[in-house]
Amino acid sequence: MPPPPKKAPTKGAKQILVENEATISFYRNMAGASGLFYNSVMFGIYHDEVRSWLMPPKKAPTKGAKQILVENEATISFYRNMAGASGLFYNSVMFGIYHDEVRSWLMFMNVFVLAIYLGCYQLMRYISRPTYSELGLLIDPGLDLNMEGGMGEHIKDIVILTAIAHITAVMSNYFWLLLFLIPARAFWLIWKNLLAPWLFQEAPEDTEQDEKKRKKIERRMRRHQ
């Protein structure tokens, strides 16, 4: 004869309250992570496609050298402040509120992210460095950091994605995984611009001149037979 079913243990009010808070927090983080992952991928990796869906292509107006110089300075300042604010927020929260939970690998990730910020800042400075004549006249404003599809845009994408991962890592350490989108984006660009065109390029079609040469060679071979 099978044993009678056991009665489920009764939960106390405090236990129910704690489990409810944990459940709400878990599914809130799940929803936030899903939305953040989708938007990071779509606007980080496939932002060119998203832009083409939302806006019709327009011819970019020609910029003057002085305008490029001013906009480059504003762009560098904006992303420098974004990186600084993200780093300040993370370190203030982690070392101010959750200092008991800080581990050595978290400190490594923090330093690694700060190195990414610094590297992007120095790279933007280097490629947008202006050139002046001996009389102090502007000769070359440097690379336009706001040029669509240019190197400056890719560097800015790295800063944005790194800042998102840095800030959201306060809620969950799983958000550090967003940094893997940086090499994924790099691989996508290499595949799209270098590997795919080289691997799937069509064989060149014979031109009329090539066809004449081929027929001439065939006639010569028939004579020698």
C-alpha atoms as a PDB file:
ATOM      1  CA  MET A   1       0.000   0.000   0.000  1.00  0.00           C
ATOM      2  CA  PRO A   2       1.597   3.348  -1.091  1.00  0.00           C
ATOM      3  CA  PRO A   3       2.451   5.839   1.662  1.00  0.00           C
ATOM      4  CA  PRO A   4       0.036   8.729   2.073  1.00  0.00           C
ATOM      5  CA  PRO A   5       1.051  12.014   0.350  1.00  0.00           C
ATOM      6  CA  LYS A   6       3.057  14.324   2.532  1.00  0.00           C
ATOM      7  CA  LYS A   7       1.673  17.720   3.359  1.00  0.00           C
ATOM      8  CA  ALA A   8       3.779  20.595   2.001  1.00  0.00           C
ATOM      9  CA  PRO A   9       5.539  22.457   4.797  1.00  0.00           C
ATOM     10  CA  THR A  10       3.896  25.738   5.711  1.00  0.00           C
ATOM     11  CA  LYS A  11       5.949  28.827   4.941  1.00  0.00           C
ATOM     12  CA  GLY A  12       6.245  31.648   7.386  1.00  0.00           C
ATOM     13  CA  ALA A  13       5.336  35.203   6.452  1.00  0.00           C
ATOM     14  CA  LYS A  14       8.961  36.320   6.569  1.00  0.00           C
ATOM     15  CA  GLN A  15      10.073  33.472   4.281  1.00  0.00           C
ATOM     16  CA  ILE A  16       7.344  34.310   1.753  1.00  0.00           C
ATOM     17  CA  LEU A  17       8.401  37.965   1.808  1.00  0.00           C
ATOM     18  CA  VAL A  18      12.075  37.125   1.221  1.00  0.00           C
ATOM     19  CA  GLU A  19      11.284  34.657  -1.594  1.00  0.00           C
ATOM     20  CA  ASN A  20       8.942  37.143  -3.281  1.00  0.00           C
ATOM     21  CA  GLU A  21      11.644  39.823  -3.261  1.00  0.00           C
ATOM     22  CA  ALA A  22      14.195  37.366  -4.683  1.00  0.00           C
ATOM     23  CA  THR A  23      11.742  36.236  -7.404  1.00  0.00           C
ATOM     24  CA  ILE A  24      10.893  39.810  -8.437  1.00  0.00           C
ATOM     25  CA  SER A  25      14.585  40.746  -8.495  1.00  0.00           C
ATOM     26  CA  PHE A  26      15.460  37.669 -10.594  1.00  0.00           C
ATOM     27  CA  TYR A  27      12.840  38.289 -13.276  1.00  0.00           C
ATOM     28  CA  ARG A  28      13.513  42.034 -13.303  1.00  0.00           C
ATOM     29  CA  ASN A  29      17.181  41.320 -14.004  1.00  0.00           C
ATOM     30  CA  MET A  30      16.206  38.756 -16.648  1.00  0.00           C
ATOM     31  CA  ALA A  31      13.985  41.289 -18.443  1.00  0.00           C
ATOM     32  CA  GLY A  32      16.622  44.004 -18.182  1.00  0.00           C
ATOM     33  CA  ALA A  33      19.383  41.707 -19.416  1.00  0.00           C
ATOM     34  CA  SER A  34      17.285  40.556 -22.385  1.00  0.00           C
ATOM     35  CA  GLY A  35      16.434  44.103 -23.422  1.00  0.00           C
ATOM     36  CA  LEU A  36      19.981  45.306 -22.913  1.00  0.00           C
ATOM     37  CA  PHE A  37      21.431  42.368 -24.857  1.00  0.00           C
ATOM     38  CA  TYR A  38      19.083  42.915 -27.806  1.00  0.00           C
ATOM     39  CA  ASN A  39      19.684  46.657 -27.969  1.00  0.00           C
ATOM     40  CA  SER A  40      23.439  46.233 -27.535  1.00  0.00           C
ATOM     41  CA  VAL A  41      23.583  43.766 -30.417  1.00  0.00           C
ATOM     42  CA  MET A  42      21.225  45.648 -32.751  1.00  0.00           C
ATOM     43  CA  PHE A  43      22.604  49.126 -32.095  1.00  0.00           C
ATOM     44  CA  GLY A  44      26.184  47.987 -31.450  1.00  0.00           C
ATOM     45  CA  ILE A  45      26.804  45.416 -34.193  1.00  0.00           C
ATOM     46  CA  TYR A  46      23.998  45.982 -36.707  1.00  0.00           C
ATOM     47  CA  HIS A  47      23.534  49.729 -36.231  1.00  0.00           C
ATOM     48  CA  ASP A  48      24.128  50.372 -39.937  1.00  0.00           C
ATOM     49  CA  GLU A  49      21.199  48.136 -40.851  1.00  0.00           C
ATOM     50  CA  VAL A  50      18.972  49.706 -38.182  1.00  0.00           C
ATOM     51  CA  ARG A  51      19.825  53.188 -39.427  1.00  0.00           C
ATOM     52  CA  SER A  52      18.963  52.187 -43.005  1.00  0.00           C
ATOM     53  CA  TRP A  53      15.545  50.924 -41.847  1.00  0.00           C
ATOM     54  CA  LEU A  54      14.709  54.051 -39.874  1.00  0.00           C
ATOM     55  CA  MET A  55      16.106  56.766 -42.130  1.00  0.00           C
ATOM     56  CA  PRO A  56      16.417  57.011 -45.905  1.00  0.00           C
ATOM     57  CA  PRO A  57      19.988  57.520 -47.132  1.00  0.00           C
ATOM     58  CA  LYS A  58      20.969  61.160 -47.431  1.00  0.00           C
ATOM     59  CA  LYS A  59      24.008  62.709 -48.996  1.00  0.00           C
ATOM     60  CA  ALA A  60      26.299  63.915 -46.234  1.00  0.00           C
ATOM     61  CA  PRO A  61      27.044  67.640 -46.454  1.00  0.00           C
ATOM     62  CA  THR A  62      30.649  68.594 -47.009  1.00  0.00           C
ATOM     63  CA  LYS A  63      32.344  69.851 -43.858  1.00  0.00           C
ATOM     64  CA  GLY A  64      35.030  72.462 -43.643  1.00  0.00           C
ATOM     65  CA  ALA A  65      38.325  71.788 -41.877  1.00  0.00           C
ATOM     66  CA  LYS A  66      37.456  74.119 -38.984  1.00  0.00           C
ATOM     67  CA  GLN A  67      34.074  72.473 -38.456  1.00  0.00           C
ATOM     68  CA  ILE A  68      35.671  69.005 -38.354  1.00  0.00           C
ATOM     69  CA  LEU A  69      38.213  70.254 -35.811  1.00  0.00           C
ATOM     70  CA  VAL A  70      35.532  71.734 -33.525  1.00  0.00           C
ATOM     71  CA  GLU A  71      33.279  68.660 -33.774  1.00  0.00           C
ATOM     72  CA  ASN A  72      36.202  66.321 -33.073  1.00  0.00           C
ATOM     73  CA  GLU A  73      37.040  68.210 -29.879  1.00  0.00           C
ATOM     74  CA  ALA A  74      33.389  68.080 -28.774  1.00  0.00           C
ATOM     75  CA  THR A  75      33.186  64.355 -29.555  1.00  0.00           C
ATOM     76  CA  ILE A  76      36.343  63.509 -27.630  1.00  0.00           C
ATOM     77  CA  SER A  77      35.144  65.563 -24.665  1.00  0.00           C
ATOM     78  CA  PHE A  78      31.715  63.870 -24.683  1.00  0.00           C
ATOM     79  CA  TYR A  79      33.035  60.298 -24.731  1.00  0.00           C
ATOM     80  CA  ARG A  80      35.765  61.129 -22.218  1.00  0.00           C
ATOM     81  CA  ASN A  81      33.058  62.374 -19.848  1.00  0.00           C
ATOM     82  CA  MET A  82      30.928  59.287 -20.534  1.00  0.00           C
ATOM     83  CA  ALA A  83      33.831  56.999 -19.642  1.00  0.00           C
ATOM     84  CA  GLY A  84      34.683  59.031 -16.542  1.00  0.00           C
ATOM     85  CA  ALA A  85      31.072  59.095 -15.309  1.00  0.00           C
ATOM     86  CA  SER A  86      30.680  55.336 -15.835  1.00  0.00           C
ATOM     87  CA  GLY A  87      33.887  54.567 -13.977  1.00  0.00           C
ATOM     88  CA  LEU A  88      33.008  56.942 -11.146  1.00  0.00           C
ATOM     89  CA  PHE A  89      29.516  55.440 -10.783  1.00  0.00           C
ATOM     90  CA  TYR A  90      30.768  51.843 -10.693  1.00  0.00           C
ATOM     91  CA  ASN A  91      33.587  52.492  -8.248  1.00  0.00           C
ATOM     92  CA  SER A  92      31.405  54.648  -5.985  1.00  0.00           C
ATOM     93  CA  VAL A  93      28.737  51.942  -5.743  1.00  0.00           C
ATOM     94  CA  MET A  94      31.020  48.913  -5.523  1.00  0.00           C
ATOM     95  CA  PHE A  95      33.584  50.335  -3.107  1.00  0.00           C
ATOM     96  CA  GLY A  96      31.098  52.483  -1.225  1.00  0.00           C
ATOM     97  CA  ILE A  97      28.078  50.174  -0.823  1.00  0.00           C
ATOM     98  CA  TYR A  98      29.157  46.656  -1.789  1.00  0.00           C
ATOM     99  CA  HIS A  99      32.769  46.839  -0.609  1.00  0.00           C
ATOM    100  CA  ASP A 100      32.363  43.526   1.275  1.00  0.00           C
ATOM    101  CA  GLU A 101      31.522  41.739  -1.989  1.00  0.00           C
ATOM    102  CA  VAL A 102      34.461  43.067  -4.020  1.00  0.00           C
ATOM    103  CA  ARG A 103      36.723  40.247  -5.221  1.00  0.00           C
ATOM    104  CA  SER A 104      40.081  40.292  -6.973  1.00  0.00           C
ATOM    105  CA  TRP A 105      38.569  39.358 -10.356  1.00  0.00           C
ATOM    106  CA  LEU A 106      36.135  42.283 -10.066  1.00  0.00           C
ATOM    107  CA  MET A 107      39.061  44.605  -9.457  1.00  0.00           C
ATOM    108  CA  PHE A 108      40.773  43.134 -12.530  1.00  0.00           C
ATOM    109  CA  MET A 109      37.643  43.713 -14.657  1.00  0.00           C
ATOM    110  CA  ASN A 110      37.419  47.268 -13.372  1.00  0.00           C
ATOM    111  CA  VAL A 111      41.041  47.989 -14.291  1.00  0.00           C
ATOM    112  CA  PHE A 112      40.562  46.255 -17.665  1.00  0.00           C
ATOM    113  CA  VAL A 113      37.572  48.450 -18.492  1.00  0.00           C
ATOM    114  CA  LEU A 114      39.441  51.592 -17.441  1.00  0.00           C
ATOM    115  CA  ALA A 115      42.258  50.519 -19.785  1.00  0.00           C
ATOM    116  CA  ILE A 116      39.715  50.231 -22.625  1.00  0.00           C
ATOM    117  CA  TYR A 117      38.499  53.764 -21.892  1.00  0.00           C
ATOM    118  CA  LEU A 118      42.041  55.104 -21.863  1.00  0.00           C
ATOM    119  CA  GLY A 119      42.987  53.267 -25.053  1.00  0.00           C
ATOM    120  CA  CYS A 120      39.921  54.557 -26.915  1.00  0.00           C
ATOM    121  CA  TYR A 121      40.561  58.100 -25.709  1.00  0.00           C
ATOM    122  CA  GLN A 122      44.198  58.049 -26.799  1.00  0.00           C
ATOM    123  CA  LEU A 123      43.270  56.491 -30.157  1.00  0.00           C
ATOM    124  CA  MET A 124      40.634  59.160 -30.833  1.00  0.00           C
ATOM    125  CA  ARG A 125      43.179  61.820 -29.915  1.00  0.00           C
ATOM    126  CA  TYR A 126      45.782  60.297 -32.221  1.00  0.00           C
ATOM    127  CA  ILE A 127      43.657  59.845 -35.361  1.00  0.00           C
ATOM    128  CA  SER A 128      42.037  63.294 -35.024  1.00  0.00           C
ATOM    129  CA  ARG A 129      45.309  65.143 -34.376  1.00  0.00           C
ATOM    130  CA  PRO A 130      45.329  68.342 -36.495  1.00  0.00           C
ATOM    131  CA  THR A 131      48.277  69.577 -38.517  1.00  0.00           C
ATOM    132  CA  TYR A 132      49.276  73.246 -38.547  1.00  0.00           C
ATOM    133  CA  SER A 133      51.691  75.174 -40.723  1.00  0.00           C
ATOM    134  CA  GLU A 134      54.677  77.108 -39.391  1.00  0.00           C
ATOM    135  CA  LEU A 135      52.487  80.227 -39.388  1.00  0.00           C
ATOM    136  CA  GLY A 136      49.856  78.503 -37.248  1.00  0.00           C
ATOM    137  CA  LEU A 137      47.378  77.954 -40.077  1.00  0.00           C
ATOM    138  CA  LEU A 138      45.266  74.794 -40.035  1.00  0.00           C
ATOM    139  CA  ILE A 139      46.372  72.422 -42.815  1.00  0.00           C
ATOM    140  CA  ASP A 140      44.672  69.153 -41.881  1.00  0.00           C
ATOM    141  CA  PRO A 141      42.013  68.780 -39.122  1.00  0.00           C
ATOM    142  CA  GLY A 142      42.686  65.069 -38.759  1.00  0.00           C
ATOM    143  CA  LEU A 143      40.267  62.207 -39.282  1.00  0.00           C
ATOM    144  CA  ASP A 144      36.600  63.122 -38.913  1.00  0.00           C
ATOM    145  CA  LEU A 145      35.425  61.165 -35.849  1.00  0.00           C
ATOM    146  CA  ASN A 146      31.768  61.623 -36.825  1.00  0.00           C
ATOM    147  CA  MET A 147      32.120  60.303 -40.370  1.00  0.00           C
ATOM    148  CA  GLU A 148      29.521  57.600 -40.984  1.00  0.00           C
ATOM    149  CA  GLY A 149      31.121  54.167 -41.142  1.00  0.00           C
ATOM    150  CA  GLY A 150      34.536  55.574 -40.263  1.00  0.00           C
ATOM    151  CA  MET A 151      37.029  54.411 -37.673  1.00  0.00           C
ATOM    152  CA  GLY A 152      35.811  57.042 -35.215  1.00  0.00           C
ATOM    153  CA  GLU A 153      32.345  55.469 -35.139  1.00  0.00           C
ATOM    154  CA  HIS A 154      33.759  52.053 -34.238  1.00  0.00           C
ATOM    155  CA  ILE A 155      35.788  53.537 -31.387  1.00  0.00           C
ATOM    156  CA  LYS A 156      32.720  55.361 -30.072  1.00  0.00           C
ATOM    157  CA  ASP A 157      30.733  52.104 -30.203  1.00  0.00           C
ATOM    158  CA  ILE A 158      33.376  50.443 -28.028  1.00  0.00           C
ATOM    159  CA  VAL A 159      33.157  53.239 -25.445  1.00  0.00           C
ATOM    160  CA  ILE A 160      29.344  53.078 -25.391  1.00  0.00           C
ATOM    161  CA  LEU A 161      29.217  49.283 -25.005  1.00  0.00           C
ATOM    162  CA  THR A 162      31.942  49.305 -22.359  1.00  0.00           C
ATOM    163  CA  ALA A 163      30.124  52.022 -20.390  1.00  0.00           C
ATOM    164  CA  ILE A 164      26.866  50.014 -20.530  1.00  0.00           C
ATOM    165  CA  ALA A 165      28.618  46.897 -19.251  1.00  0.00           C
ATOM    166  CA  HIS A 166      30.437  48.906 -16.561  1.00  0.00           C
ATOM    167  CA  ILE A 167      27.289  50.521 -15.187  1.00  0.00           C
ATOM    168  CA  THR A 168      24.986  47.501 -15.360  1.00  0.00           C
ATOM    169  CA  ALA A 169      27.619  45.251 -13.738  1.00  0.00           C
ATOM    170  CA  VAL A 170      26.558  46.924 -10.493  1.00  0.00           C
ATOM    171  CA  MET A 171      23.266  44.991 -10.716  1.00  0.00           C
ATOM    172  CA  SER A 172      24.719  41.670 -11.838  1.00  0.00           C
ATOM    173  CA  ASN A 173      28.190  40.401 -12.721  1.00  0.00           C
ATOM    174  CA  TYR A 174      26.693  38.656 -15.750  1.00  0.00           C
ATOM    175  CA  PHE A 175      26.568  42.030 -17.494  1.00  0.00           C
ATOM    176  CA  TRP A 176      30.350  41.822 -17.863  1.00  0.00           C
ATOM    177  CA  LEU A 177      29.604  39.305 -20.630  1.00  0.00           C
ATOM    178  CA  LEU A 178      28.486  42.227 -22.797  1.00  0.00           C
ATOM    179  CA  LEU A 179      32.167  42.944 -23.393  1.00  0.00           C
ATOM    180  CA  PHE A 180      32.295  39.849 -25.607  1.00  0.00           C
ATOM    181  CA  LEU A 181      30.273  41.857 -28.127  1.00  0.00           C
ATOM    182  CA  ILE A 182      33.410  43.915 -28.864  1.00  0.00           C
ATOM    183  CA  PRO A 183      35.373  41.037 -30.470  1.00  0.00           C
ATOM    184  CA  ALA A 184      32.101  39.815 -32.018  1.00  0.00           C
ATOM    185  CA  ARG A 185      31.653  43.204 -33.658  1.00  0.00           C
ATOM    186  CA  ALA A 186      35.278  43.180 -34.835  1.00  0.00           C
ATOM    187  CA  PHE A 187      34.858  39.716 -36.363  1.00  0.00           C
ATOM    188  CA  TRP A 188      31.633  40.816 -38.082  1.00  0.00           C
ATOM    189  CA  LEU A 189      33.375  43.805 -39.669  1.00  0.00           C
ATOM    190  CA  ILE A 190      36.328  41.673 -40.830  1.00  0.00           C
ATOM    191  CA  TRP A 191      33.937  39.088 -42.265  1.00  0.00           C
ATOM    192  CA  LYS A 192      31.707  41.657 -43.951  1.00  0.00           C
ATOM    193  CA  ASN A 193      34.450  43.833 -45.438  1.00  0.00           C
ATOM    194  CA  LEU A 194      37.326  41.397 -46.055  1.00  0.00           C
ATOM    195  CA  LEU A 195      36.606  37.683 -45.770  1.00  0.00           C
ATOM    196  CA  ALA A 196      33.137  37.388 -47.329  1.00  0.00           C
ATOM    197  CA  PRO A 197      33.907  39.459 -50.464  1.00  0.00           C
ATOM    198  CA  TRP A 198      37.131  37.502 -50.962  1.00  0.00           C
ATOM    199  CA  LEU A 199      35.583  34.060 -50.394  1.00  0.00           C
ATOM    200  CA  PHE A 200      32.396  34.593 -52.374  1.00  0.00           C
ATOM    201  CA  GLN A 201      33.608  36.786 -55.195  1.00  0.00           C
ATOM    202  CA  GLU A 202      32.414  35.768 -58.638  1.00  0.00           C
ATOM    203  CA  ALA A 203      34.828  34.570 -61.294  1.00  0.00           C
ATOM    204  CA  PRO A 204      35.613  37.302 -63.832  1.00  0.00           C
ATOM    205  CA  GLU A 205      33.625  36.970 -67.039  1.00  0.00           C
ATOM    206  CA  ASP A 206      35.446  36.624 -70.341  1.00  0.00           C
ATOM    207  CA  THR A 207      35.504  39.872 -72.270  1.00  0.00           C
ATOM    208  CA  GLU A 208      35.161  40.101 -76.035  1.00  0.00           C
ATOM    209  CA  GLN A 209      38.928  40.534 -76.364  1.00  0.00           C
ATOM    210  CA  ASP A 210      39.571  37.407 -74.266  1.00  0.00           C
ATOM    211  CA  GLU A 211      37.144  35.467 -76.448  1.00  0.00           C
ATOM    212  CA  LYS A 212      39.023  36.527 -79.606  1.00  0.00           C
ATOM    213  CA  LYS A 213      42.359  35.466 -78.082  1.00  0.00           C
ATOM    214  CA  ARG A 214      40.912  32.079 -77.113  1.00  0.00           C
ATOM    215  CA  LYS A 215      39.616  31.450 -80.655  1.00  0.00           C
ATOM    216  CA  LYS A 216      42.967  32.507 -82.131  1.00  0.00           C
ATOM    217  CA  ILE A 217      44.818  30.028 -79.929  1.00  0.00           C
ATOM    218  CA  GLU A 218      42.381  27.278 -80.929  1.00  0.00           C
ATOM    219  CA  ARG A 219      42.997  27.967 -84.656  1.00  0.00           C
ATOM    220  CA  ARG A 220      46.767  27.762 -84.127  1.00  0.00           C
ATOM    221  CA  MET A 221      46.403  24.431 -82.323  1.00  0.00           C
ATOM    222  CA  ARG A 222      44.318  23.023 -85.204  1.00  0.00           C
ATOM    223  CA  ARG A 223      47.037  24.019 -87.727  1.00  0.00           C
ATOM    224  CA  HIS A 224      49.712  22.122 -85.789  1.00  0.00           C
ATOM    225  CA  GLN A 225      47.596  18.978 -85.579  1.00  0.00           C
END
